[in-house]
Structure formats: C-alpha cells, structure tokens
Protein backbone atom coordinates (compact mmCIF):
# COMPACT_ATOMS: atom_id res chain seq x y z
CA MET A 1 298.15 103.65 43.50
CA LYS A 2 296.56 101.88 46.45
CA ARG A 3 294.78 98.68 45.47
CA LYS A 4 291.26 98.39 46.73
CA SER A 5 290.92 95.43 49.07
CA LYS A 6 288.68 92.62 47.85
CA PHE A 7 285.65 91.91 50.00
CA VAL A 8 285.53 88.34 51.39
CA LEU A 9 282.41 87.02 53.03
CA PRO A 10 283.24 85.20 56.31
CA THR A 11 282.84 81.43 56.26
CA ARG A 12 280.38 81.40 59.11
CA TYR A 13 278.02 83.66 57.16
CA ILE A 14 278.22 81.37 54.16
CA LEU A 15 277.45 78.36 56.38
CA MET A 16 274.53 80.20 57.99
CA THR A 17 273.17 81.18 54.59
CA MET A 18 273.39 77.63 53.27
CA THR A 19 271.72 76.32 56.41
CA ALA A 20 268.92 78.85 56.04
CA VAL A 21 268.43 77.92 52.39
CA CYS A 22 268.30 74.23 53.28
CA ILE A 23 265.80 74.80 56.03
CA ALA A 24 263.68 76.99 53.75
CA GLY A 25 263.79 74.29 51.07
CA MET A 26 262.75 71.62 53.53
CA LEU A 27 259.87 73.74 54.82
CA ALA A 28 258.79 74.51 51.30
CA GLY A 29 258.90 70.84 50.39
CA PHE A 30 256.82 69.80 53.35
CA THR A 31 254.40 72.75 53.10
CA LEU A 32 253.84 72.70 49.37
CA ASN A 33 254.17 68.89 49.10
CA ILE A 34 256.77 69.22 46.39
CA SER A 35 257.92 65.78 45.32
CA GLY A 36 259.94 66.57 42.28
CA GLY A 37 261.35 69.41 40.31
CA PRO A 38 264.45 71.44 40.72
CA LEU A 39 263.95 72.02 44.45
CA ASN A 40 263.88 68.32 45.15
CA SER A 41 266.97 67.84 43.01
CA LEU A 42 268.71 70.64 44.87
CA ALA A 43 267.83 68.99 48.17
CA GLY A 44 269.31 65.73 46.92
CA TYR A 45 272.57 67.40 45.96
CA VAL A 46 272.80 69.15 49.35
CA PHE A 47 271.49 66.68 51.92
CA ILE A 48 272.59 63.30 50.57
CA PRO A 49 276.34 64.11 50.85
CA MET A 50 275.71 65.54 54.33
CA GLN A 51 273.85 62.40 55.35
CA ARG A 52 276.65 60.21 54.02
CA GLY A 53 279.18 62.25 55.96
CA ILE A 54 277.13 62.00 59.13
CA ASN A 55 276.75 58.23 58.64
CA THR A 56 280.49 57.87 58.09
CA VAL A 57 281.30 59.87 61.22
CA GLY A 58 278.71 57.92 63.22
CA THR A 59 280.07 54.59 62.03
CA PHE A 60 283.63 55.67 62.91
CA LEU A 61 282.59 56.80 66.39
CA ALA A 62 280.66 53.56 66.93
CA GLU A 63 283.73 51.52 65.94
CA GLN A 64 285.96 53.56 68.26
CA ALA A 65 283.50 53.12 71.12
CA GLY A 66 283.44 49.37 70.46
CA GLN A 67 287.23 49.20 70.48
CA LEU A 68 287.38 51.18 73.74
CA LYS A 69 284.87 48.81 75.30
CA SER A 70 286.88 45.80 74.09
CA LEU A 71 290.09 47.34 75.50
CA ALA A 72 288.38 47.98 78.83
CA ASP A 73 287.16 44.36 78.88
CA VAL A 74 290.68 43.09 78.10
CA MET A 75 292.20 45.26 80.84
CA ALA A 76 289.60 44.06 83.36
CA GLU A 77 290.25 40.44 82.35
CA ASN A 78 294.00 41.01 82.63
CA GLU A 79 293.61 42.45 86.12
CA ALA A 80 291.46 39.47 87.14
CA LEU A 81 294.12 37.09 85.77
CA LYS A 82 296.83 38.94 87.70
CA GLN A 83 294.86 38.56 90.91
CA GLN A 84 294.35 34.88 90.16
CA VAL A 85 298.09 34.41 89.51
CA ASP A 86 298.93 36.20 92.79
CA ALA A 87 296.49 33.98 94.67
CA LEU A 88 297.90 30.81 93.09
CA THR A 89 301.48 31.96 93.78
CA THR A 90 300.63 32.55 97.44
CA GLU A 91 298.95 29.16 97.65
CA LEU A 92 301.95 27.48 96.02
CA ASN A 93 304.38 29.18 98.42
CA THR A 94 302.23 28.06 101.34
CA ILE A 95 302.23 24.49 100.06
CA LYS A 96 306.02 24.60 99.62
CA LEU A 97 306.47 25.94 103.16
CA GLU A 98 304.16 23.28 104.58
CA GLN A 99 306.03 20.60 102.63
CA TYR A 100 309.37 21.94 103.91
CA GLU A 101 308.11 21.89 107.48
CA LEU A 102 306.69 18.41 106.95
CA ASP A 103 310.04 17.18 105.64
CA ASN A 104 311.82 18.66 108.68
CA LEU A 105 309.35 17.00 111.05
CA ARG A 106 309.71 13.70 109.21
CA GLU A 107 313.50 14.01 109.53
CA LEU A 108 313.20 14.64 113.28
CA LEU A 109 310.84 11.68 113.61
CA GLU A 110 313.30 9.40 111.82
CA LEU A 111 316.10 10.70 114.05
CA ASP A 112 313.94 10.11 117.12
CA GLN A 113 313.30 6.54 116.01
CA LYS A 114 317.03 6.08 115.35
CA TYR A 115 317.75 6.55 119.08
CA PRO A 116 314.64 5.10 120.74
CA SER A 117 316.24 4.51 124.14
CA TYR A 118 316.58 8.24 124.83
CA GLU A 119 313.81 10.58 125.93
CA LYS A 120 313.85 13.75 123.80
CA ALA A 121 312.30 17.20 123.49
CA ALA A 122 311.93 19.00 120.17
CA ALA A 123 313.01 22.65 119.96
CA ASN A 124 313.32 25.39 117.36
CA VAL A 125 316.44 27.46 116.74
CA ILE A 126 315.67 31.12 117.50
CA GLY A 127 319.11 32.71 117.21
CA LYS A 128 322.75 32.10 116.45
CA ASN A 129 326.14 33.76 116.49
CA GLY A 130 327.33 35.54 113.38
CA GLY A 131 328.96 33.69 110.51
CA ASN A 132 327.93 30.94 108.15
CA TRP A 133 328.08 28.10 110.65
CA PHE A 134 325.81 27.21 113.54
CA SER A 135 328.69 26.97 115.98
CA ASN A 136 326.65 28.46 118.85
CA PHE A 137 322.90 28.97 118.80
CA THR A 138 319.83 29.45 120.99
CA ILE A 139 316.72 27.26 121.14
CA ASP A 140 313.20 28.06 122.37
CA LYS A 141 313.13 25.49 125.19
CA GLY A 142 314.58 25.96 128.65
CA ALA A 143 314.38 24.97 132.30
CA GLU A 144 310.58 25.13 132.25
CA ASP A 145 310.67 22.36 129.62
CA GLY A 146 313.12 20.20 131.55
CA ILE A 147 316.25 21.32 129.68
CA GLU A 148 319.52 21.24 131.65
CA THR A 149 323.15 21.92 130.90
CA ASP A 150 325.22 19.07 129.46
CA MET A 151 322.23 17.57 127.65
CA ASN A 152 323.11 16.31 124.18
CA VAL A 153 321.53 17.91 121.11
CA ILE A 154 320.93 16.07 117.84
CA ALA A 155 319.53 17.03 114.43
CA GLY A 156 319.61 15.90 110.82
CA SER A 157 321.55 12.65 110.91
CA GLY A 158 323.45 12.89 114.16
CA LEU A 159 325.19 14.84 116.89
CA VAL A 160 324.95 18.64 116.96
CA GLY A 161 326.47 19.54 120.31
CA ILE A 162 325.67 20.08 123.95
CA VAL A 163 323.61 22.48 126.08
CA THR A 164 325.90 24.97 127.83
CA ASP A 165 323.49 27.52 129.32
CA VAL A 166 319.82 27.37 130.32
CA GLY A 167 317.22 30.04 130.98
CA PRO A 168 313.55 29.69 131.93
CA ASN A 169 312.36 29.42 128.31
CA TYR A 170 315.57 29.21 126.28
CA ALA A 171 318.88 27.35 126.16
CA ARG A 172 322.20 27.85 124.40
CA VAL A 173 323.93 25.11 122.48
CA SER A 174 327.63 24.79 121.67
CA THR A 175 328.24 22.55 118.66
CA ILE A 176 330.96 20.02 117.95
CA ILE A 177 332.51 22.21 115.24
CA ASN A 178 333.61 24.80 117.83
CA ASP A 179 337.34 25.02 118.41
CA THR A 180 336.90 24.44 122.15
CA ASN A 181 334.76 21.30 121.88
CA LYS A 182 336.13 17.79 122.13
CA VAL A 183 334.13 14.58 121.87
CA GLY A 184 335.18 11.04 122.61
CA GLY A 185 334.50 9.05 119.45
CA MET A 186 334.67 5.49 118.18
CA ILE A 187 335.08 3.89 114.74
CA THR A 188 332.02 1.66 114.17
CA THR A 189 333.88 -0.87 112.02
CA THR A 190 336.77 -1.49 114.44
CA SER A 191 335.59 -0.07 117.80
CA ASP A 192 338.83 1.92 117.99
CA ASN A 193 338.58 5.10 120.05
CA LEU A 194 339.65 8.58 119.03
CA VAL A 195 339.17 12.22 120.03
CA VAL A 196 337.08 14.49 117.81
CA SER A 197 338.01 18.19 117.93
CA GLY A 198 336.09 21.14 116.51
CA ASN A 199 337.88 23.29 113.93
CA LEU A 200 336.04 26.28 112.47
CA GLN A 201 338.87 27.13 110.10
CA ASN A 202 338.80 23.62 108.66
CA MET A 203 335.00 23.85 108.40
CA ASN A 204 335.32 27.10 106.45
CA GLU A 205 337.95 25.71 104.12
CA ASN A 206 337.07 22.03 103.71
CA MET A 207 333.82 21.43 105.68
CA VAL A 208 335.56 18.97 108.01
CA ILE A 209 336.62 18.79 111.66
CA ASP A 210 339.63 17.07 113.20
CA PHE A 211 340.28 13.85 115.04
CA SER A 212 343.38 12.51 116.81
CA ASN A 213 344.69 9.71 119.05
CA LEU A 214 343.31 6.93 116.86
CA SER A 215 344.93 3.59 117.70
CA ASP A 216 344.72 1.70 114.43
CA SER A 217 347.54 -0.78 114.86
CA ASP A 218 346.05 -3.20 112.32
CA ASP A 219 345.46 -0.49 109.68
CA GLU A 220 341.81 -1.43 109.38
CA VAL A 221 340.25 2.06 109.47
CA ARG A 222 339.29 3.40 106.07
CA VAL A 223 338.08 6.70 104.62
CA GLY A 224 334.28 6.67 104.81
CA ASP A 225 334.06 4.71 108.07
CA ALA A 226 331.40 6.05 110.44
CA VAL A 227 332.38 7.70 113.73
CA VAL A 228 329.98 7.67 116.71
CA THR A 229 330.20 8.92 120.27
CA SER A 230 332.17 6.56 122.47
CA TYR A 231 330.99 4.83 125.65
CA ILE A 232 333.98 6.41 127.42
CA SER A 233 332.88 9.96 126.58
CA ASP A 234 332.30 11.92 129.77
CA ARG A 235 329.37 14.11 128.57
CA TYR A 236 327.98 12.52 125.42
CA GLN A 237 325.62 9.57 125.19
CA GLN A 238 326.98 6.48 123.48
CA GLY A 239 326.40 5.63 119.82
CA ILE A 240 325.33 8.98 118.36
CA LEU A 241 326.62 9.47 114.83
CA ILE A 242 329.28 12.20 114.56
CA GLY A 243 330.37 11.83 110.94
CA TYR A 244 332.58 9.94 108.53
CA ILE A 245 336.35 9.65 108.14
CA ALA A 246 337.47 12.06 105.40
CA SER A 247 341.24 11.64 105.70
CA LEU A 248 343.78 10.01 108.01
CA GLN A 249 347.52 9.74 108.36
CA MET A 250 350.05 8.28 110.76
CA ASP A 251 351.34 10.59 113.47
CA SER A 252 355.03 11.29 113.96
CA ASN A 253 355.12 8.87 116.93
CA ASN A 254 354.17 5.98 114.59
CA LEU A 255 351.66 4.82 117.19
CA THR A 256 348.51 6.82 116.59
CA LYS A 257 346.72 8.37 113.63
CA SER A 258 344.97 11.66 113.09
CA GLY A 259 342.90 13.17 110.30
CA THR A 260 339.58 14.78 109.50
CA ILE A 261 335.89 13.91 109.74
CA THR A 262 332.99 15.08 107.60
CA PRO A 263 330.18 15.87 110.08
CA ALA A 264 326.87 14.06 109.64
CA VAL A 265 324.95 17.27 110.40
CA ASP A 266 324.61 20.20 108.01
CA PHE A 267 325.93 22.98 110.26
CA GLU A 268 324.93 25.64 107.75
CA HIS A 269 321.23 24.92 108.06
CA ILE A 270 319.82 23.98 111.46
CA GLU A 271 316.23 24.93 112.24
CA GLU A 272 314.85 22.22 114.53
CA VAL A 273 316.71 20.02 116.99
CA LEU A 274 316.04 17.27 119.48
CA VAL A 275 317.41 17.63 123.01
CA ILE A 276 318.17 14.30 124.70
CA LEU A 277 316.74 14.66 128.19
CA ASN A 278 318.82 11.77 129.53
CA LYS A 279 322.17 13.07 130.75
CA LYS A 280 325.32 10.95 130.54
CA GLN A 281 325.87 9.06 133.74
CA THR A 282 329.43 9.39 135.03
CA ALA A 283 331.33 7.70 137.84
CA GLU A 284 330.61 10.67 140.10
CA ASP A 285 326.88 10.38 139.39
C-alpha cells in the first residue's frame, strides 16, 4: 500500500508568517496602546532574542572592521618603514662610496707628497686586460693632457709601470709585473744594484716578482729590505719604491744573488694612478 506523503510547509512561508504576525503585533501595540498582557509578553519572547542576535552580529562585524582597519594601518606603516630603510640604505651606500673615493684621493695625495720633485697628473683606470692582475691597463688621460710614452706611473705605495702607448685622450700602461718588463733597482740599506723582472706566474702563485744580479759581497741584504728604482735605470725615475725583498739566494757563480720581491703596489686593485710628467733624462737626451 502506497504511503501518503506528509505535507511540509516550506521554511520561507513559515518565516513570512512569523514576520507578518510580528508586524501585526507591533501595529496592534502601537495602535491600541497595549502596554501589557499576553501580546506584550509574546513580543518580548519574539523580539528580544532577535535583538540580541542582531546586537551580537553587529558587534562581531564592528570588531572585524576594526581589525581590518588595524591591519591596513600596520601594512601602511610597514610599507613606510620599508621605504625609509631603502632610503637609509641608499644613503649609507653613498656615504661608503664617498668615503672610499676620499680614501683613494688621500692615498694619491700622500703619494704625491712622497715624491714632491716630480710633476704629476692624476688619471683613472678605464680598462685592463683579462685576468686577476693589472698587468696592462688603460687610463683616461692622453696626449691632450701632456701624457707621453715612457712616463712613469705610480699608485698606492710605489711604482706601477710605464706608459707604452698614447692616444689623444687615453694611454696604455705596462706594469712591472709583466714578464717582458725589467727595472733597474737598488737596495735602500746598502745601495747595491739589481735587476727587477716581472713574472706573472710567480705573481699568481706567490704574489712576488723576481730580481737578479744583486752584488751583495758583504752579505748585508736582508729579507724585508726596501727596493727602489736605481739612478742607473734607463727609463725609470730614481728612488721610486718597487717593493721589499721576499727571498734571496746565492747564484751558482757565487758572485751574485737572486730572489723575489713583494711589490709595494696592490696589482689586483688599481683604480687611480699618478703619471709622472717628468721623463727620465738619458745620455742621449
């Protein structure tokens, strides 16, 4: 036997009916000025819970809105702090760069004062050959600035090399660490002469260059003694610091000594140089 389906009133109709009853009760209360009785009690049972629910929902929404506003304020403050940090970082980097440039200029000034008898021109390095060492590089001064070939170049604490090629607004420098370069040198403590030879392999392995033909008959030369350019050098001005004795040994002829020199200049980092405008005077000159 087929069971008869039970009739169920839709929820929306129930809600509409309750709303209509509430509205009718409210109108009756206002119209008839009913202040007590069962109708007023019914209104209390119906509307007070609704009002509490509405208040609860309103309070919750207000709290959420307040939290969203606080979060927005925090995000805005965070963004402002980020911008402030970026600005301070940029300012700090600028100060560091200015301090670095100031230190370089101070170093050049001290070097200039170290050799006051020579007229000099400051120049910036604008290019170099590949590799770690500044064995050959280009500067931003040339013939228009009075630069000529065979002019000595100094930086840091001493001798860098010599000008080998000159253009209108540039010049190329070959440094003393090059395999092909030789410099007449002298030990400052004994005035003994020697020949300084570039050696890129030795620079790569031990950060030193070579010397030979040292006449040290009295065995007075010691590791650490300073080596400067000699007065008998054909292209280099006298008295420019080359470096310091790193090692020495007697040659097989038992007459001369050879060894290595630690250069006075940091040939890994050269940015500014001084070009000595006075060229070495030779017998032919």
